[in-house]
Amino acid sequence: MQDERIVKEARRWIGTPYRHQGSCRGAGCDCLGLVRGVWRAVLGDEPEAVPAYTPDWAETAAEPGADALLLAARRYFIECPPSEAPPGALLLFRPRRRGAAKHCAILSKPGRIIHAYWGRQVAETALTPWWKSRLVAAFRFPRERS
């Protein structure tokens, strides 16, 4: 099943060091780079090139309230209610309550996520009450192309 392949691939990235804008398993990635790498491994080529972004891109967006990450997820993923997200789902978070969605993770099993931590590495951690309170949206990856 594709959702299982997504979780298995995401777990292969555990221990990859954090690298801003990186997307290379073992060498470095950020939270978006993890999702991009899993997409490539499971679905093939990425649907669009990701423009360069700064670590504070969501706080300095030209349009206040612009949610570039959320809008991109809605273009390429299948939105589902967060309460119904299966393992393998993409989760988006707003680290600042009124800020843009700027952190992403892959749900590995109920109550657990795989994501890249700034200054650390890709890890599988608890979906704590803090993360749950900042969860904005959940998405399933699109189905594999035949």
C-alpha atoms as a PDB file:
ATOM      1  CA  MET A   1       0.000   0.000   0.000  1.00  0.00           C
ATOM      2  CA  GLN A   2       1.266   3.479  -0.851  1.00  0.00           C
ATOM      3  CA  ASP A   3       0.750   4.942   2.649  1.00  0.00           C
ATOM      4  CA  GLU A   4       3.009   2.208   4.074  1.00  0.00           C
ATOM      5  CA  ARG A   5       5.655   2.953   1.430  1.00  0.00           C
ATOM      6  CA  ILE A   6       5.565   6.637   2.410  1.00  0.00           C
ATOM      7  CA  VAL A   7       6.133   5.835   6.098  1.00  0.00           C
ATOM      8  CA  LYS A   8       8.865   3.319   5.279  1.00  0.00           C
ATOM      9  CA  GLU A   9      10.656   5.838   3.061  1.00  0.00           C
ATOM     10  CA  ALA A  10      10.306   8.636   5.635  1.00  0.00           C
ATOM     11  CA  ARG A  11      11.884   6.360   8.255  1.00  0.00           C
ATOM     12  CA  ARG A  12      14.865   5.818   5.953  1.00  0.00           C
ATOM     13  CA  TRP A  13      15.556   9.569   6.361  1.00  0.00           C
ATOM     14  CA  ILE A  14      15.793   9.402  10.168  1.00  0.00           C
ATOM     15  CA  GLY A  15      19.197  10.670  11.250  1.00  0.00           C
ATOM     16  CA  THR A  16      19.662  12.862   8.148  1.00  0.00           C
ATOM     17  CA  PRO A  17      21.139  16.123   9.445  1.00  0.00           C
ATOM     18  CA  TYR A  18      19.183  19.347   9.166  1.00  0.00           C
ATOM     19  CA  ARG A  19      20.223  21.459   6.174  1.00  0.00           C
ATOM     20  CA  HIS A  20      18.159  24.471   5.144  1.00  0.00           C
ATOM     21  CA  GLN A  21      16.716  23.867   1.641  1.00  0.00           C
ATOM     22  CA  GLY A  22      18.365  20.434   1.517  1.00  0.00           C
ATOM     23  CA  SER A  23      16.574  17.387   0.165  1.00  0.00           C
ATOM     24  CA  CYS A  24      19.176  14.610   0.102  1.00  0.00           C
ATOM     25  CA  ARG A  25      18.781  11.581   2.367  1.00  0.00           C
ATOM     26  CA  GLY A  26      21.844  11.126   4.554  1.00  0.00           C
ATOM     27  CA  ALA A  27      23.427  14.438   3.499  1.00  0.00           C
ATOM     28  CA  GLY A  28      20.855  16.957   4.725  1.00  0.00           C
ATOM     29  CA  CYS A  29      17.312  18.248   4.527  1.00  0.00           C
ATOM     30  CA  ASP A  30      14.814  20.538   6.134  1.00  0.00           C
ATOM     31  CA  CYS A  31      11.189  19.619   6.802  1.00  0.00           C
ATOM     32  CA  LEU A  32      10.116  20.427   3.245  1.00  0.00           C
ATOM     33  CA  GLY A  33      13.153  18.612   1.845  1.00  0.00           C
ATOM     34  CA  LEU A  34      12.083  15.470   3.696  1.00  0.00           C
ATOM     35  CA  VAL A  35       8.640  15.598   2.077  1.00  0.00           C
ATOM     36  CA  ARG A  36      10.192  16.309  -1.331  1.00  0.00           C
ATOM     37  CA  GLY A  37      12.559  13.360  -0.975  1.00  0.00           C
ATOM     38  CA  VAL A  38       9.762  11.007   0.034  1.00  0.00           C
ATOM     39  CA  TRP A  39       7.690  12.249  -2.942  1.00  0.00           C
ATOM     40  CA  ARG A  40      10.566  11.497  -5.340  1.00  0.00           C
ATOM     41  CA  ALA A  41      11.138   8.016  -3.895  1.00  0.00           C
ATOM     42  CA  VAL A  42       7.453   7.032  -4.008  1.00  0.00           C
ATOM     43  CA  LEU A  43       5.967   9.079  -6.876  1.00  0.00           C
ATOM     44  CA  GLY A  44       8.892  10.149  -9.071  1.00  0.00           C
ATOM     45  CA  ASP A  45       9.646  13.654 -10.264  1.00  0.00           C
ATOM     46  CA  GLU A  46       8.436  16.572  -8.197  1.00  0.00           C
ATOM     47  CA  PRO A  47       5.480  18.433  -9.739  1.00  0.00           C
ATOM     48  CA  GLU A  48       7.198  21.845  -9.649  1.00  0.00           C
ATOM     49  CA  ALA A  49      10.539  23.382  -8.808  1.00  0.00           C
ATOM     50  CA  VAL A  50      10.688  24.794  -5.301  1.00  0.00           C
ATOM     51  CA  PRO A  51      11.926  28.392  -5.318  1.00  0.00           C
ATOM     52  CA  ALA A  52      14.725  29.413  -2.966  1.00  0.00           C
ATOM     53  CA  TYR A  53      13.461  30.446   0.466  1.00  0.00           C
ATOM     54  CA  THR A  54      15.013  31.932   3.573  1.00  0.00           C
ATOM     55  CA  PRO A  55      14.608  30.402   7.042  1.00  0.00           C
ATOM     56  CA  ASP A  56      12.198  33.222   7.939  1.00  0.00           C
ATOM     57  CA  TRP A  57      10.314  33.253   4.611  1.00  0.00           C
ATOM     58  CA  ALA A  58       6.888  32.838   6.225  1.00  0.00           C
ATOM     59  CA  GLU A  59       7.414  35.826   8.524  1.00  0.00           C
ATOM     60  CA  THR A  60       8.581  38.121   5.738  1.00  0.00           C
ATOM     61  CA  ALA A  61       6.040  37.190   3.048  1.00  0.00           C
ATOM     62  CA  ALA A  62       5.133  40.054   0.717  1.00  0.00           C
ATOM     63  CA  GLU A  63       1.449  39.535   1.472  1.00  0.00           C
ATOM     64  CA  PRO A  64       0.511  39.216   5.144  1.00  0.00           C
ATOM     65  CA  GLY A  65      -1.324  35.973   5.660  1.00  0.00           C
ATOM     66  CA  ALA A  66       0.065  34.435   2.474  1.00  0.00           C
ATOM     67  CA  ASP A  67       0.355  30.734   3.100  1.00  0.00           C
ATOM     68  CA  ALA A  68       2.639  29.513   0.323  1.00  0.00           C
ATOM     69  CA  LEU A  69       3.227  26.073   1.857  1.00  0.00           C
ATOM     70  CA  LEU A  70      -0.485  25.486   2.475  1.00  0.00           C
ATOM     71  CA  LEU A  71      -1.405  26.649  -1.038  1.00  0.00           C
ATOM     72  CA  ALA A  72       1.229  24.392  -2.609  1.00  0.00           C
ATOM     73  CA  ALA A  73       0.008  21.410  -0.582  1.00  0.00           C
ATOM     74  CA  ARG A  74      -3.529  22.055  -1.807  1.00  0.00           C
ATOM     75  CA  ARG A  75      -2.290  22.044  -5.421  1.00  0.00           C
ATOM     76  CA  TYR A  76      -0.612  18.631  -5.262  1.00  0.00           C
ATOM     77  CA  PHE A  77      -1.944  16.665  -2.272  1.00  0.00           C
ATOM     78  CA  ILE A  78      -5.413  15.457  -1.300  1.00  0.00           C
ATOM     79  CA  GLU A  79      -6.723  17.314   1.740  1.00  0.00           C
ATOM     80  CA  CYS A  80      -8.366  15.312   4.503  1.00  0.00           C
ATOM     81  CA  PRO A  81      -9.606  16.208   7.991  1.00  0.00           C
ATOM     82  CA  PRO A  82      -6.662  16.085  10.428  1.00  0.00           C
ATOM     83  CA  SER A  83      -8.668  13.763  12.684  1.00  0.00           C
ATOM     84  CA  GLU A  84      -8.915  11.264   9.794  1.00  0.00           C
ATOM     85  CA  ALA A  85      -5.306  11.510   8.581  1.00  0.00           C
ATOM     86  CA  PRO A  86      -3.832   8.039   8.062  1.00  0.00           C
ATOM     87  CA  PRO A  87      -0.195   7.086   8.615  1.00  0.00           C
ATOM     88  CA  GLY A  88       1.664   8.424   5.589  1.00  0.00           C
ATOM     89  CA  ALA A  89      -0.238  11.729   5.599  1.00  0.00           C
ATOM     90  CA  LEU A  90       1.460  15.097   5.252  1.00  0.00           C
ATOM     91  CA  LEU A  91       0.758  17.377   8.223  1.00  0.00           C
ATOM     92  CA  LEU A  92       1.231  21.162   8.154  1.00  0.00           C
ATOM     93  CA  PHE A  93       1.770  23.276  11.253  1.00  0.00           C
ATOM     94  CA  ARG A  94       1.780  26.972  12.218  1.00  0.00           C
ATOM     95  CA  PRO A  95       4.595  27.315  14.775  1.00  0.00           C
ATOM     96  CA  ARG A  96       3.292  30.824  15.513  1.00  0.00           C
ATOM     97  CA  ARG A  97      -0.416  30.765  16.235  1.00  0.00           C
ATOM     98  CA  ARG A  98      -1.185  33.625  13.838  1.00  0.00           C
ATOM     99  CA  GLY A  99       1.663  32.974  11.434  1.00  0.00           C
ATOM    100  CA  ALA A 100       1.835  31.068   8.189  1.00  0.00           C
ATOM    101  CA  ALA A 101       2.020  27.306   7.967  1.00  0.00           C
ATOM    102  CA  LYS A 102       5.763  26.742   7.748  1.00  0.00           C
ATOM    103  CA  HIS A 103       6.517  23.340   9.216  1.00  0.00           C
ATOM    104  CA  CYS A 104       5.607  19.957   7.818  1.00  0.00           C
ATOM    105  CA  ALA A 105       5.833  16.364   8.952  1.00  0.00           C
ATOM    106  CA  ILE A 106       4.710  12.910   7.913  1.00  0.00           C
ATOM    107  CA  LEU A 107       2.389  11.024  10.240  1.00  0.00           C
ATOM    108  CA  SER A 108       4.120   7.698  10.918  1.00  0.00           C
ATOM    109  CA  LYS A 109       1.433   6.152  13.114  1.00  0.00           C
ATOM    110  CA  PRO A 110      -1.224   7.541  15.435  1.00  0.00           C
ATOM    111  CA  GLY A 111       0.445  10.041  17.735  1.00  0.00           C
ATOM    112  CA  ARG A 112       3.864   9.953  15.973  1.00  0.00           C
ATOM    113  CA  ILE A 113       5.434  12.154  13.284  1.00  0.00           C
ATOM    114  CA  ILE A 114       8.632  12.159  11.247  1.00  0.00           C
ATOM    115  CA  HIS A 115      10.085  15.613  10.593  1.00  0.00           C
ATOM    116  CA  ALA A 116      13.320  17.584  10.353  1.00  0.00           C
ATOM    117  CA  TYR A 117      14.259  19.783  13.282  1.00  0.00           C
ATOM    118  CA  TRP A 118      16.159  23.008  12.711  1.00  0.00           C
ATOM    119  CA  GLY A 119      19.691  22.558  14.011  1.00  0.00           C
ATOM    120  CA  ARG A 120      19.248  18.811  14.579  1.00  0.00           C
ATOM    121  CA  GLN A 121      18.138  16.030  12.243  1.00  0.00           C
ATOM    122  CA  VAL A 122      15.197  14.066  10.917  1.00  0.00           C
ATOM    123  CA  ALA A 123      13.541  12.273  13.816  1.00  0.00           C
ATOM    124  CA  GLU A 124      10.405  10.345  14.674  1.00  0.00           C
ATOM    125  CA  THR A 125       8.786  12.037  17.647  1.00  0.00           C
ATOM    126  CA  ALA A 126       5.509  12.224  19.526  1.00  0.00           C
ATOM    127  CA  LEU A 127       2.722  14.344  18.112  1.00  0.00           C
ATOM    128  CA  THR A 128       2.575  16.255  21.378  1.00  0.00           C
ATOM    129  CA  PRO A 129      -0.254  18.540  22.528  1.00  0.00           C
ATOM    130  CA  TRP A 130       1.930  21.515  21.456  1.00  0.00           C
ATOM    131  CA  TRP A 131       2.169  20.194  17.882  1.00  0.00           C
ATOM    132  CA  LYS A 132      -1.513  19.208  17.851  1.00  0.00           C
ATOM    133  CA  SER A 133      -2.489  22.752  18.855  1.00  0.00           C
ATOM    134  CA  ARG A 134      -0.601  24.094  15.837  1.00  0.00           C
ATOM    135  CA  LEU A 135      -1.807  21.557  13.277  1.00  0.00           C
ATOM    136  CA  VAL A 136      -3.345  23.421  10.326  1.00  0.00           C
ATOM    137  CA  ALA A 137      -4.117  20.793   7.714  1.00  0.00           C
ATOM    138  CA  ALA A 138      -3.574  17.193   6.706  1.00  0.00           C
ATOM    139  CA  PHE A 139      -3.134  15.739   3.238  1.00  0.00           C
ATOM    140  CA  ARG A 140      -2.757  12.351   1.615  1.00  0.00           C
ATOM    141  CA  PHE A 141      -0.121  11.985  -1.052  1.00  0.00           C
ATOM    142  CA  PRO A 142      -1.649  11.606  -4.520  1.00  0.00           C
ATOM    143  CA  ARG A 143      -1.884   8.071  -5.869  1.00  0.00           C
ATOM    144  CA  GLU A 144       1.089   6.613  -7.691  1.00  0.00           C
ATOM    145  CA  ARG A 145       1.065   7.109 -11.432  1.00  0.00           C
ATOM    146  CA  SER A 146       0.471   3.905 -13.360  1.00  0.00           C
END
